[in-house]
């Protein structure tokens, strides 16, 4: 009888320990979007209740020094509904004033280059798309002051209806500081560096972004100060821009974009020296408001040697403008293909080794 009571008591204690461990684990786990929102909020300037600010920054390709990526950004921010931004690069310029529901916009150039647009937004809004993260239904640990990073990975599927391939996406938060480290999805990507205090927030003074197979761009904050009271005149809307003429960027599934194809030359794959002779590939495309492909990047393929050929050929594709709320918009999507090619021969006529 005593032994039976002892066993029962041990079982109760063990069961209690298991419940405590499960409860502790439940307290540590949280939806990815909540953990990211908390981390990003500590480094986001343009947040509800934020301190009005004036910011200047430069963007450049510090590795290859390609002038097409040189840009200047300046933003005056009073609140989430009252702000002004000026952007200038070699191929595109934008002056945007937002005041309540009104919006005035002046642009020059056919498309806002995605990597530049990406960094321009993230200078003041670290993670612009929490809805994407919520749709993943991922749970992660909460920061606990220990070394290391909290990481999550997922895929962005692309498909031509038969062939399927995915872009890779990920995110990381410092376990020790709870600050956002890097992350991205199909329409945003950033890594934060060189944090410094601004009214109690840790604001990155250097941001980097890179697409797979594309340039690595660096944004540097050259000025961050309190907004002067005399800047209020810059928020006046003098000539509101109608909604159909405003520049908006939307993510469109590949299947929907393929229904809008006007011109799609069949890909021709060159012979390759190395790598698989058949497989699949997927890439990100940016299509302007006229339906022209303006950039091809984030290239994932069984044979990376075909990247240049794929980029050159996809730039010749043409789509009908994508309509959204009765206006044509700038589109981000994917293109997915199978490929089959041959082995390149050497100058002597011998086939290159596999």
Protein backbone atom coordinates (compact mmCIF):
# COMPACT_ATOMS: atom_id res chain seq x y z
CA UNK A 1 0.00 0.00 0.00
CA UNK A 2 2.82 2.39 0.89
CA UNK A 3 4.59 1.53 -2.35
CA UNK A 4 1.41 2.16 -4.30
CA UNK A 5 1.02 5.59 -2.71
CA UNK A 6 4.67 6.42 -3.38
CA UNK A 7 4.32 5.52 -7.07
CA UNK A 8 1.14 7.55 -7.37
CA UNK A 9 2.76 10.55 -5.71
CA UNK A 10 5.80 10.27 -8.00
CA UNK A 11 3.50 10.14 -11.01
CA UNK A 12 1.68 13.25 -9.82
CA UNK A 13 4.96 15.11 -9.30
CA UNK A 14 6.25 14.07 -12.75
CA UNK A 15 2.98 15.13 -14.34
CA UNK A 16 3.18 18.46 -12.54
CA UNK A 17 6.74 19.02 -13.78
CA UNK A 18 5.63 18.27 -17.35
CA UNK A 19 2.81 20.77 -17.06
CA UNK A 20 5.21 23.39 -15.71
CA UNK A 21 7.63 22.77 -18.59
CA UNK A 22 4.81 22.98 -21.13
CA UNK A 23 3.62 26.23 -19.53
CA UNK A 24 7.16 27.67 -19.57
CA UNK A 25 7.56 26.70 -23.22
CA UNK A 26 4.23 28.30 -24.05
CA UNK A 27 5.41 31.49 -22.37
CA UNK A 28 8.64 31.45 -24.44
CA UNK A 29 6.96 30.79 -27.80
CA UNK A 30 5.16 33.59 -29.62
CA UNK A 31 3.88 34.26 -33.14
CA UNK A 32 6.71 35.37 -35.42
CA UNK A 33 4.92 38.59 -36.38
CA UNK A 34 4.57 39.62 -32.71
CA UNK A 35 8.25 39.04 -31.93
CA UNK A 36 9.29 40.90 -35.09
CA UNK A 37 6.86 43.75 -34.41
CA UNK A 38 8.35 44.21 -30.94
CA UNK A 39 11.92 44.10 -32.28
CA UNK A 40 11.25 46.37 -35.26
CA UNK A 41 9.32 48.84 -33.11
CA UNK A 42 12.47 49.53 -31.14
CA UNK A 43 14.23 50.61 -34.36
CA UNK A 44 11.42 52.19 -36.38
CA UNK A 45 11.24 55.96 -36.75
CA UNK A 46 7.88 56.27 -38.50
CA UNK A 47 5.69 54.70 -35.82
CA UNK A 48 2.53 55.90 -34.13
CA UNK A 49 3.54 58.12 -31.22
CA UNK A 50 7.04 58.55 -32.63
CA UNK A 51 9.09 61.72 -32.27
CA UNK A 52 8.85 64.01 -35.35
CA UNK A 53 12.13 63.86 -37.25
CA UNK A 54 14.10 65.08 -40.24
CA UNK A 55 16.31 62.50 -41.96
CA UNK A 56 18.84 62.52 -44.78
CA UNK A 57 20.49 59.44 -46.27
CA UNK A 58 22.51 58.25 -49.24
CA UNK A 59 22.26 54.90 -51.04
CA UNK A 60 25.03 53.37 -53.14
CA UNK A 61 26.59 50.18 -54.44
CA UNK A 62 29.78 50.27 -52.37
CA UNK A 63 31.19 47.12 -53.97
CA UNK A 64 30.90 47.79 -57.71
CA UNK A 65 30.24 51.54 -57.53
CA UNK A 66 27.60 51.34 -60.25
CA UNK A 67 26.17 54.88 -60.55
CA UNK A 68 22.66 53.62 -61.38
CA UNK A 69 22.30 52.76 -57.70
CA UNK A 70 23.43 56.14 -56.33
CA UNK A 71 20.53 57.91 -54.63
CA UNK A 72 19.69 60.57 -52.07
CA UNK A 73 16.74 60.41 -49.67
CA UNK A 74 15.33 63.14 -47.43
CA UNK A 75 12.26 62.82 -45.23
CA UNK A 76 10.39 65.19 -42.96
CA UNK A 77 8.02 63.27 -40.68
CA UNK A 78 5.47 64.76 -38.31
CA UNK A 79 3.19 61.74 -37.83
CA UNK A 80 2.12 58.58 -39.70
CA UNK A 81 -0.42 60.70 -41.62
CA UNK A 82 1.66 63.85 -42.15
CA UNK A 83 5.05 63.54 -43.86
CA UNK A 84 7.10 64.46 -46.91
CA UNK A 85 9.77 62.47 -48.75
CA UNK A 86 12.10 63.35 -51.59
CA UNK A 87 14.03 60.71 -53.50
CA UNK A 88 16.50 61.29 -56.33
CA UNK A 89 18.51 58.81 -58.41
CA UNK A 90 19.87 58.63 -61.94
CA UNK A 91 16.77 56.97 -63.37
CA UNK A 92 13.95 57.93 -61.01
CA UNK A 93 12.89 60.82 -58.77
CA UNK A 94 9.91 61.24 -56.47
CA UNK A 95 8.55 63.98 -54.24
CA UNK A 96 5.73 62.66 -52.09
CA UNK A 97 3.65 64.68 -49.62
CA UNK A 98 1.07 62.97 -47.41
CA UNK A 99 -1.34 65.00 -45.29
CA UNK A 100 -4.23 63.01 -43.88
CA UNK A 101 -6.17 61.44 -46.74
CA UNK A 102 -4.64 63.81 -49.30
CA UNK A 103 -1.54 62.95 -51.29
CA UNK A 104 0.55 64.98 -53.71
CA UNK A 105 3.15 63.22 -55.80
CA UNK A 106 5.62 64.28 -58.49
CA UNK A 107 7.67 61.58 -60.20
CA UNK A 108 10.16 61.40 -63.03
CA UNK A 109 11.06 58.03 -64.51
CA UNK A 110 9.12 54.90 -65.47
CA UNK A 111 9.78 52.74 -62.40
CA UNK A 112 10.98 53.07 -58.81
CA UNK A 113 13.89 50.53 -58.79
CA UNK A 114 12.87 47.90 -56.25
CA UNK A 115 16.13 47.72 -54.31
CA UNK A 116 16.18 51.51 -53.97
CA UNK A 117 12.49 51.71 -53.06
CA UNK A 118 13.04 48.95 -50.54
CA UNK A 119 15.81 50.78 -48.66
CA UNK A 120 14.04 54.14 -48.92
CA UNK A 121 11.03 52.74 -47.05
CA UNK A 122 13.08 50.79 -44.52
CA UNK A 123 15.13 53.81 -43.48
CA UNK A 124 12.06 54.88 -41.48
CA UNK A 125 9.86 51.74 -41.42
CA UNK A 126 12.04 48.73 -40.62
CA UNK A 127 9.52 45.97 -41.37
CA UNK A 128 6.70 47.25 -43.59
CA UNK A 129 4.79 43.96 -44.05
CA UNK A 130 3.69 42.24 -40.82
CA UNK A 131 0.73 40.74 -42.69
CA UNK A 132 3.13 38.54 -44.66
CA UNK A 133 4.65 37.21 -41.45
CA UNK A 134 1.26 36.56 -39.83
CA UNK A 135 0.22 34.43 -42.82
CA UNK A 136 3.15 32.07 -42.17
CA UNK A 137 1.78 30.87 -38.79
CA UNK A 138 5.30 30.40 -37.41
CA UNK A 139 6.10 30.47 -33.69
CA UNK A 140 9.54 31.42 -32.37
CA UNK A 141 11.29 32.02 -29.05
CA UNK A 142 11.20 35.41 -27.43
CA UNK A 143 14.47 37.30 -26.79
CA UNK A 144 15.87 36.22 -23.42
CA UNK A 145 19.17 38.09 -23.06
CA UNK A 146 21.32 35.13 -24.08
CA UNK A 147 23.83 35.10 -26.98
CA UNK A 148 22.71 34.10 -30.46
CA UNK A 149 19.85 34.83 -32.81
CA UNK A 150 16.20 33.89 -33.15
CA UNK A 151 15.73 32.79 -36.76
CA UNK A 152 12.89 31.76 -39.03
CA UNK A 153 12.96 30.61 -42.65
CA UNK A 154 10.24 30.15 -45.23
CA UNK A 155 9.75 29.96 -48.99
CA UNK A 156 7.98 32.16 -51.55
CA UNK A 157 6.57 29.79 -54.18
CA UNK A 158 6.69 30.47 -57.89
CA UNK A 159 5.01 28.35 -60.56
CA UNK A 160 4.26 28.47 -64.26
CA UNK A 161 1.37 26.09 -63.67
CA UNK A 162 3.50 22.99 -64.15
CA UNK A 163 6.95 23.73 -62.78
CA UNK A 164 7.26 24.91 -59.19
CA UNK A 165 10.28 26.49 -57.52
CA UNK A 166 10.62 28.82 -54.52
CA UNK A 167 12.52 31.93 -53.50
CA UNK A 168 14.14 31.65 -50.07
CA UNK A 169 13.23 34.09 -47.28
CA UNK A 170 14.35 34.44 -43.68
CA UNK A 171 14.48 36.70 -40.65
CA UNK A 172 16.72 37.06 -37.59
CA UNK A 173 16.43 38.87 -34.24
CA UNK A 174 19.14 39.18 -31.60
CA UNK A 175 18.38 37.01 -28.56
CA UNK A 176 20.54 39.25 -26.41
CA UNK A 177 19.31 42.72 -27.36
CA UNK A 178 15.93 41.91 -28.90
CA UNK A 179 16.81 44.11 -31.89
CA UNK A 180 16.00 43.25 -35.49
CA UNK A 181 19.09 41.94 -37.34
CA UNK A 182 17.96 41.11 -40.88
CA UNK A 183 15.00 39.81 -42.83
CA UNK A 184 12.88 40.08 -45.91
CA UNK A 185 10.27 38.71 -48.24
CA UNK A 186 9.56 39.21 -51.92
CA UNK A 187 8.96 42.97 -51.59
CA UNK A 188 11.24 43.98 -48.70
CA UNK A 189 14.71 43.08 -47.52
CA UNK A 190 17.07 44.72 -45.05
CA UNK A 191 19.91 44.18 -42.60
CA UNK A 192 20.47 46.75 -39.85
CA UNK A 193 23.87 47.93 -38.61
CA UNK A 194 25.47 50.62 -36.43
CA UNK A 195 22.63 51.30 -33.99
CA UNK A 196 22.55 54.60 -32.11
CA UNK A 197 20.02 56.16 -29.76
CA UNK A 198 17.36 58.62 -30.93
CA UNK A 199 14.84 59.55 -28.24
CA UNK A 200 15.03 56.12 -26.63
CA UNK A 201 14.97 54.11 -29.86
CA UNK A 202 17.91 52.24 -31.33
CA UNK A 203 18.04 53.51 -34.92
CA UNK A 204 20.33 51.85 -37.47
CA UNK A 205 22.65 54.37 -39.11
CA UNK A 206 23.58 51.87 -41.84
CA UNK A 207 21.27 49.50 -43.72
CA UNK A 208 22.11 46.97 -46.41
CA UNK A 209 19.97 45.07 -48.91
CA UNK A 210 20.90 42.49 -51.52
CA UNK A 211 18.95 40.36 -53.97
CA UNK A 212 20.17 36.90 -54.90
CA UNK A 213 22.54 37.41 -57.83
CA UNK A 214 22.12 41.21 -57.68
CA UNK A 215 24.00 44.17 -56.21
CA UNK A 216 24.41 44.82 -52.50
CA UNK A 217 23.26 48.31 -51.68
CA UNK A 218 24.11 50.34 -48.59
CA UNK A 219 22.01 53.14 -47.14
CA UNK A 220 23.77 55.52 -44.75
CA UNK A 221 21.98 58.00 -42.53
CA UNK A 222 23.87 61.26 -42.82
CA UNK A 223 21.48 63.35 -40.70
CA UNK A 224 18.85 62.51 -38.11
CA UNK A 225 17.45 65.36 -36.04
CA UNK A 226 14.26 66.63 -34.46
CA UNK A 227 11.82 68.15 -36.92
CA UNK A 228 11.89 71.94 -36.79
CA UNK A 229 8.63 73.75 -36.30
CA UNK A 230 9.30 75.84 -39.40
CA UNK A 231 9.01 72.75 -41.62
CA UNK A 232 5.20 72.65 -41.45
CA UNK A 233 4.84 74.50 -44.76
CA UNK A 234 6.36 71.48 -46.50
CA UNK A 235 3.30 69.38 -45.65
CA UNK A 236 0.81 71.61 -47.48
CA UNK A 237 -0.99 69.84 -50.34
CA UNK A 238 -1.20 72.30 -53.23
CA UNK A 239 -2.38 70.03 -56.02
CA UNK A 240 -3.68 66.62 -54.89
CA UNK A 241 -2.68 63.71 -57.11
CA UNK A 242 -5.67 61.57 -58.19
CA UNK A 243 -5.51 57.97 -56.99
CA UNK A 244 -5.19 56.61 -60.54
CA UNK A 245 -1.98 58.60 -61.03
CA UNK A 246 -0.35 57.73 -57.70
CA UNK A 247 2.57 55.32 -57.71
CA UNK A 248 1.69 52.14 -55.85
CA UNK A 249 3.55 48.84 -55.67
CA UNK A 250 1.73 45.51 -55.27
CA UNK A 251 2.79 41.87 -55.10
CA UNK A 252 0.93 39.74 -57.65
CA UNK A 253 1.02 35.91 -57.77
CA UNK A 254 2.73 34.50 -60.84
CA UNK A 255 -0.40 32.76 -62.04
CA UNK A 256 -2.26 36.07 -62.27
CA UNK A 257 0.63 37.78 -64.06
CA UNK A 258 0.87 35.02 -66.66
CA UNK A 259 -2.75 35.69 -67.64
CA UNK A 260 -1.66 39.22 -68.60
CA UNK A 261 1.18 38.18 -70.93
CA UNK A 262 1.26 40.01 -74.25
CA UNK A 263 4.72 39.01 -75.40
CA UNK A 264 6.70 36.04 -74.05
CA UNK A 265 9.50 34.78 -76.29
CA UNK A 266 10.28 31.11 -75.60
CA UNK A 267 13.50 30.98 -73.54
CA UNK A 268 16.59 29.73 -75.34
CA UNK A 269 19.24 28.37 -73.02
CA UNK A 270 22.92 28.60 -73.98
CA UNK A 271 25.34 25.70 -73.60
CA UNK A 272 27.07 25.67 -70.20
CA UNK A 273 30.54 24.64 -69.08
CA UNK A 274 29.51 23.24 -65.71
CA UNK A 275 26.48 22.37 -63.64
CA UNK A 276 23.27 20.47 -64.37
CA UNK A 277 21.98 20.40 -67.94
CA UNK A 278 18.36 20.37 -66.84
CA UNK A 279 16.39 21.60 -63.88
CA UNK A 280 14.27 24.54 -62.75
CA UNK A 281 14.71 28.22 -61.96
CA UNK A 282 12.71 31.05 -60.45
CA UNK A 283 13.37 34.78 -60.37
CA UNK A 284 11.75 37.97 -59.12
CA UNK A 285 10.56 40.49 -61.68
CA UNK A 286 9.47 44.11 -61.39
CA UNK A 287 6.96 45.29 -63.99
CA UNK A 288 6.20 48.97 -64.51
CA UNK A 289 2.78 50.55 -64.91
CA UNK A 290 2.96 50.13 -68.69
CA UNK A 291 3.57 46.38 -68.42
CA UNK A 292 7.30 46.40 -69.20
CA UNK A 293 9.71 44.20 -67.24
CA UNK A 294 12.16 46.61 -65.61
CA UNK A 295 14.30 44.32 -63.48
CA UNK A 296 15.02 40.63 -62.95
CA UNK A 297 16.79 39.48 -59.78
CA UNK A 298 16.56 37.10 -56.79
CA UNK A 299 17.63 34.27 -59.08
CA UNK A 300 17.34 30.71 -57.72
CA UNK A 301 18.32 27.97 -60.18
CA UNK A 302 19.69 24.45 -60.38
CA UNK A 303 22.37 25.98 -62.62
CA UNK A 304 23.38 29.56 -61.72
CA UNK A 305 25.38 29.80 -64.98
CA UNK A 306 22.09 30.51 -66.78
CA UNK A 307 21.35 33.66 -64.76
CA UNK A 308 22.53 36.23 -67.31
CA UNK A 309 20.72 34.49 -70.17
CA UNK A 310 17.53 34.33 -68.13
CA UNK A 311 17.73 38.00 -67.16
CA UNK A 312 18.33 39.16 -70.72
CA UNK A 313 15.42 37.14 -72.11
CA UNK A 314 12.91 37.98 -69.38
CA UNK A 315 13.51 41.69 -69.94
CA UNK A 316 11.89 41.23 -73.38
CA UNK A 317 8.62 40.00 -71.90
CA UNK A 318 5.59 42.29 -72.02
CA UNK A 319 2.41 42.28 -69.92
CA UNK A 320 -0.86 44.13 -69.95
CA UNK A 321 -0.78 46.75 -67.16
CA UNK A 322 -1.99 45.22 -63.91
CA UNK A 323 -5.19 46.98 -62.72
CA UNK A 324 -5.70 47.58 -59.04
CA UNK A 325 -8.49 49.85 -57.79
CA UNK A 326 -8.99 51.24 -61.30
CA UNK A 327 -5.33 52.22 -61.64
CA UNK A 328 -2.25 50.64 -63.17
CA UNK A 329 0.39 49.80 -60.56
CA UNK A 330 4.02 48.75 -60.33
CA UNK A 331 4.14 44.99 -59.83
CA UNK A 332 6.46 42.55 -58.08
CA UNK A 333 6.04 38.93 -59.08
CA UNK A 334 7.95 35.77 -60.01
CA UNK A 335 8.70 33.86 -63.20
CA UNK A 336 9.39 30.13 -63.04
CA UNK A 337 10.83 27.89 -65.77
CA UNK A 338 12.19 24.44 -66.45
CA UNK A 339 15.41 24.45 -68.47
CA UNK A 340 17.27 21.98 -70.63
CA UNK A 341 20.59 22.74 -72.29
CA UNK A 342 23.80 21.16 -73.55
CA UNK A 343 27.42 21.04 -72.50
CA UNK A 344 29.67 23.71 -74.00
CA UNK A 345 32.49 22.44 -76.16
CA UNK A 346 36.10 23.61 -75.85
CA UNK A 347 37.92 25.42 -78.65
CA UNK A 348 39.52 22.11 -79.70
CA UNK A 349 36.09 20.56 -80.17
CA UNK A 350 36.22 18.38 -77.09
CA UNK A 351 33.27 18.50 -74.75
CA UNK A 352 33.83 20.34 -71.47
CA UNK A 353 33.95 18.06 -68.41
CA UNK A 354 30.78 17.59 -66.41
